[in-house]
N, C-alpha and C. Protein backbone atom coordinates (compact mmCIF):
# COMPACT_ATOMS: atom_id res chain seq x y z
N UNK A 1 83.80 46.46 140.14
CA UNK A 1 84.03 45.24 140.44
C UNK A 1 85.70 45.03 140.70
N UNK A 2 86.26 45.67 139.47
CA UNK A 2 87.76 45.30 139.08
C UNK A 2 88.43 45.79 140.46
N UNK A 3 88.26 47.37 139.85
CA UNK A 3 89.01 48.52 140.58
C UNK A 3 88.71 48.13 142.29
N UNK A 4 87.82 47.63 142.92
CA UNK A 4 87.81 47.14 144.70
C UNK A 4 88.57 45.73 144.19
N UNK A 5 88.73 45.01 143.19
CA UNK A 5 89.73 43.55 143.57
C UNK A 5 91.07 43.89 144.44
N UNK A 6 91.33 44.87 142.98
CA UNK A 6 92.30 45.45 142.94
C UNK A 6 92.99 46.19 144.17
N UNK A 7 92.26 47.15 144.70
CA UNK A 7 92.55 48.04 145.61
C UNK A 7 92.35 46.72 146.75
N UNK A 8 91.58 45.53 147.30
CA UNK A 8 91.54 44.94 148.21
C UNK A 8 92.78 43.79 148.15
N UNK A 9 93.86 43.90 146.92
CA UNK A 9 94.82 43.00 146.84
C UNK A 9 96.30 44.11 147.04
N UNK A 10 96.25 45.75 146.87
CA UNK A 10 96.76 46.41 147.50
C UNK A 10 97.36 46.29 148.42
N UNK A 11 95.86 46.45 149.64
CA UNK A 11 95.90 46.37 150.85
C UNK A 11 96.34 45.18 151.71
N UNK A 12 96.64 44.46 151.30
CA UNK A 12 96.92 42.96 151.36
C UNK A 12 98.82 42.91 150.77
N UNK A 13 99.04 43.69 150.04
CA UNK A 13 100.26 43.27 150.11
C UNK A 13 101.73 43.99 150.58
N UNK A 14 102.90 43.11 150.78
CA UNK A 14 103.60 43.81 151.08
C UNK A 14 104.18 45.68 150.39
N UNK A 15 105.11 45.92 150.93
CA UNK A 15 105.82 47.13 150.59
C UNK A 15 106.49 46.69 149.71
N UNK A 16 107.08 45.45 149.29
CA UNK A 16 108.23 44.72 148.52
C UNK A 16 106.92 45.02 147.48
N UNK A 17 106.00 43.93 147.64
CA UNK A 17 105.26 43.50 146.61
C UNK A 17 104.89 45.19 146.03
N UNK A 18 104.33 46.00 146.17
CA UNK A 18 103.11 47.00 145.89
C UNK A 18 104.99 48.15 145.32
N UNK A 19 105.81 47.92 145.39
CA UNK A 19 107.11 48.68 144.53
C UNK A 19 107.56 47.85 143.78
N UNK A 20 107.54 45.85 143.35
CA UNK A 20 107.53 45.51 141.73
C UNK A 20 106.26 45.56 141.28
N UNK A 21 105.20 46.22 141.97
CA UNK A 21 104.35 45.75 141.27
C UNK A 21 104.10 47.38 140.40
N UNK A 22 104.82 48.75 140.71
CA UNK A 22 104.95 49.58 140.38
C UNK A 22 105.78 49.65 139.13
N UNK A 23 106.85 48.69 139.23
CA UNK A 23 108.13 48.60 138.18
C UNK A 23 108.04 48.12 137.17
N UNK A 24 106.39 46.81 137.59
CA UNK A 24 106.09 45.71 136.74
C UNK A 24 105.18 46.68 135.76
N UNK A 25 104.33 47.86 136.60
CA UNK A 25 102.98 48.51 135.19
C UNK A 25 104.43 49.67 134.28
N UNK A 26 105.48 50.15 135.10
CA UNK A 26 105.76 51.16 134.68
C UNK A 26 106.82 50.54 133.48
N UNK A 27 107.39 49.47 133.88
CA UNK A 27 108.05 48.89 132.30
C UNK A 27 107.30 48.33 131.57
N UNK A 28 106.01 47.94 131.84
CA UNK A 28 105.00 47.57 130.64
C UNK A 28 104.74 48.91 130.11
N UNK A 29 104.61 49.93 130.21
CA UNK A 29 104.01 51.58 129.75
C UNK A 29 105.35 51.23 128.52
N UNK A 30 106.39 51.48 129.21
CA UNK A 30 108.02 51.63 128.63
C UNK A 30 108.00 51.11 127.40
N UNK A 31 107.51 49.85 127.26
CA UNK A 31 107.67 48.31 126.89
C UNK A 31 106.33 48.42 125.07
N UNK A 32 105.69 48.83 126.33
CA UNK A 32 104.26 49.50 124.82
C UNK A 32 104.85 50.72 123.87
N UNK A 33 105.07 51.96 125.16
CA UNK A 33 105.73 53.39 123.87
C UNK A 33 107.03 52.59 122.69
N UNK A 34 108.12 51.59 123.61
CA UNK A 34 109.13 51.32 122.74
C UNK A 34 108.63 50.33 121.42
N UNK A 35 107.83 49.73 121.32
CA UNK A 35 106.78 48.94 120.44
C UNK A 35 106.58 49.62 119.50
N UNK A 36 105.75 50.83 120.00
CA UNK A 36 105.56 51.72 119.18
C UNK A 36 106.08 53.12 118.10
N UNK A 37 107.32 53.15 118.60
CA UNK A 37 108.21 54.19 118.25
C UNK A 37 109.06 52.94 117.36
N UNK A 38 109.51 52.04 117.64
CA UNK A 38 109.88 50.89 116.65
C UNK A 38 108.78 50.42 115.49
N UNK A 39 108.11 50.61 115.58
CA UNK A 39 107.26 50.32 114.73
C UNK A 39 107.03 51.01 113.33
N UNK A 40 106.72 52.34 114.24
CA UNK A 40 107.27 54.47 113.08
C UNK A 40 108.70 53.71 112.74
N UNK A 41 109.44 53.84 113.32
CA UNK A 41 110.84 53.75 112.70
C UNK A 41 111.18 52.72 111.22
N UNK A 42 110.05 51.78 111.92
CA UNK A 42 110.35 50.10 110.70
C UNK A 42 109.37 50.95 109.53
N UNK A 43 108.34 51.03 109.60
CA UNK A 43 107.26 52.13 108.44
C UNK A 43 108.69 53.10 107.56
N UNK A 44 108.46 54.20 108.67
CA UNK A 44 110.09 54.86 107.50
C UNK A 44 111.26 54.23 107.08
N UNK A 45 111.73 53.17 107.18
CA UNK A 45 112.71 52.52 106.60
C UNK A 45 112.21 51.82 105.15
N UNK A 46 111.05 50.88 105.48
CA UNK A 46 110.41 50.57 104.66
C UNK A 46 110.03 51.41 103.76
N UNK A 47 109.68 52.46 103.51
CA UNK A 47 109.10 53.66 102.65
C UNK A 47 110.72 54.12 102.07
N UNK A 48 111.44 54.38 102.54
CA UNK A 48 112.74 54.71 102.33
C UNK A 48 113.40 53.54 101.03
N UNK A 49 113.49 52.34 101.98
CA UNK A 49 114.19 51.06 100.93
C UNK A 49 113.22 51.65 99.56
N UNK A 50 111.88 51.82 99.25
CA UNK A 50 111.11 51.01 98.38
C UNK A 50 111.37 52.66 97.69
N UNK A 51 111.57 53.50 97.50
CA UNK A 51 111.48 54.77 97.34
C UNK A 51 113.54 54.49 96.51
N UNK A 52 114.12 53.80 97.54
CA UNK A 52 116.14 53.35 96.98
C UNK A 52 115.48 52.51 95.32
N UNK A 53 114.26 51.55 95.86
CA UNK A 53 114.73 50.39 94.85
C UNK A 53 113.73 51.38 93.05
N UNK A 54 113.20 52.17 93.65
CA UNK A 54 112.79 52.91 92.65
C UNK A 54 113.24 53.89 91.57
N UNK A 55 114.53 54.30 92.51
CA UNK A 55 115.20 55.34 92.53
C UNK A 55 116.18 54.51 90.80
N UNK A 56 116.30 53.02 91.89
CA UNK A 56 117.93 52.30 90.92
C UNK A 56 117.10 52.04 89.37
N UNK A 57 116.00 51.72 89.89
CA UNK A 57 114.99 51.68 88.74
C UNK A 57 114.59 52.35 87.79
N UNK A 58 114.40 53.61 87.76
CA UNK A 58 114.84 54.76 87.29
C UNK A 58 115.91 54.91 86.33
N UNK A 59 117.40 54.93 87.24
CA UNK A 59 118.37 54.86 87.00
C UNK A 59 118.99 54.44 85.77
N UNK A 60 118.04 52.57 85.77
CA UNK A 60 119.21 51.66 85.25
C UNK A 60 117.92 52.00 83.36
N UNK A 61 116.91 52.27 83.61
CA UNK A 61 115.85 52.94 82.20
C UNK A 61 116.78 53.97 82.09
N UNK A 62 117.45 54.52 82.26
CA UNK A 62 117.91 56.16 81.89
C UNK A 62 119.06 55.36 81.43
N UNK A 63 119.89 54.04 81.77
CA UNK A 63 121.25 53.81 80.69
C UNK A 63 122.33 53.98 81.65
N UNK A 64 122.48 53.93 83.07
CA UNK A 64 123.16 54.14 84.43
C UNK A 64 123.74 53.51 84.76
N UNK A 65 125.70 52.59 84.53
CA UNK A 65 126.17 51.60 84.39
C UNK A 65 126.35 51.75 86.56
N UNK A 66 126.04 50.87 86.91
CA UNK A 66 126.16 50.71 88.53
C UNK A 66 127.23 49.95 88.44
N UNK A 67 128.02 49.43 88.02
CA UNK A 67 129.66 48.87 87.81
C UNK A 67 130.54 49.56 87.99
N UNK A 68 130.04 51.12 87.46
CA UNK A 68 131.09 51.87 87.40
C UNK A 68 131.87 52.55 88.53
N UNK A 69 131.18 52.35 89.38
CA UNK A 69 131.58 53.19 90.69
C UNK A 69 131.19 52.19 91.78
N UNK A 70 131.93 51.87 93.26
CA UNK A 70 131.82 52.13 94.15
C UNK A 70 130.84 51.96 94.70
N UNK A 71 129.66 53.00 94.43
CA UNK A 71 128.85 53.29 95.74
C UNK A 71 127.83 52.24 94.22
N UNK A 72 127.83 51.92 93.55
CA UNK A 72 126.85 52.19 92.69
C UNK A 72 127.08 50.43 92.92
N UNK A 73 128.33 49.98 92.97
CA UNK A 73 128.40 48.39 93.11
C UNK A 73 127.76 48.04 94.03
N UNK A 74 127.77 48.93 95.89
CA UNK A 74 126.62 48.58 96.90
C UNK A 74 125.14 48.60 96.39
N UNK A 75 125.21 49.10 95.47
CA UNK A 75 123.63 49.13 95.30
C UNK A 75 123.97 47.83 94.34
N UNK A 76 124.17 46.92 93.19
CA UNK A 76 123.91 45.88 92.54
C UNK A 76 124.19 44.86 94.10
N UNK A 77 125.34 44.92 94.96
CA UNK A 77 125.84 44.20 96.14
C UNK A 77 124.29 43.74 96.37
N UNK A 78 123.71 44.68 97.26
CA UNK A 78 122.49 44.59 97.86
C UNK A 78 120.91 44.85 97.29
N UNK A 79 121.09 44.45 95.82
CA UNK A 79 119.86 44.76 95.16
C UNK A 79 119.31 42.98 95.49
N UNK A 80 118.11 42.99 95.31
CA UNK A 80 117.17 41.57 95.75
C UNK A 80 117.98 40.89 94.12
N UNK A 81 117.46 39.20 94.43
CA UNK A 81 118.11 38.56 93.22
C UNK A 81 117.13 38.82 91.50
N UNK A 82 116.04 38.98 91.69
CA UNK A 82 115.30 39.54 91.12
C UNK A 82 115.78 40.56 90.20
N UNK A 83 116.43 41.22 91.05
CA UNK A 83 117.18 42.82 90.24
C UNK A 83 118.50 42.06 89.39
N UNK A 84 118.19 42.39 87.24
CA UNK A 84 119.51 42.34 86.96
C UNK A 84 120.10 43.88 86.60
N UNK A 85 121.57 43.37 86.61
CA UNK A 85 121.99 45.06 86.47
C UNK A 85 122.97 44.52 85.56
């Protein structure tokens, strides 16, 4: 029934309405793909952040002085408040 209703509506549309409908469908599909790509990238970033803080913790346990270098200070300044240096 749904297909027949859609066909009926398309038969009674103007050319402009058909083109706009196709454009909307195309943009919705692109939005869906973009959202999926973004979710995958956010997962990858989260994994990298987790690894970064694990490495920082390991270096702290080994006695590394993060305040001794510019790169280390970047870590100190970006650390969560609960992390002590």
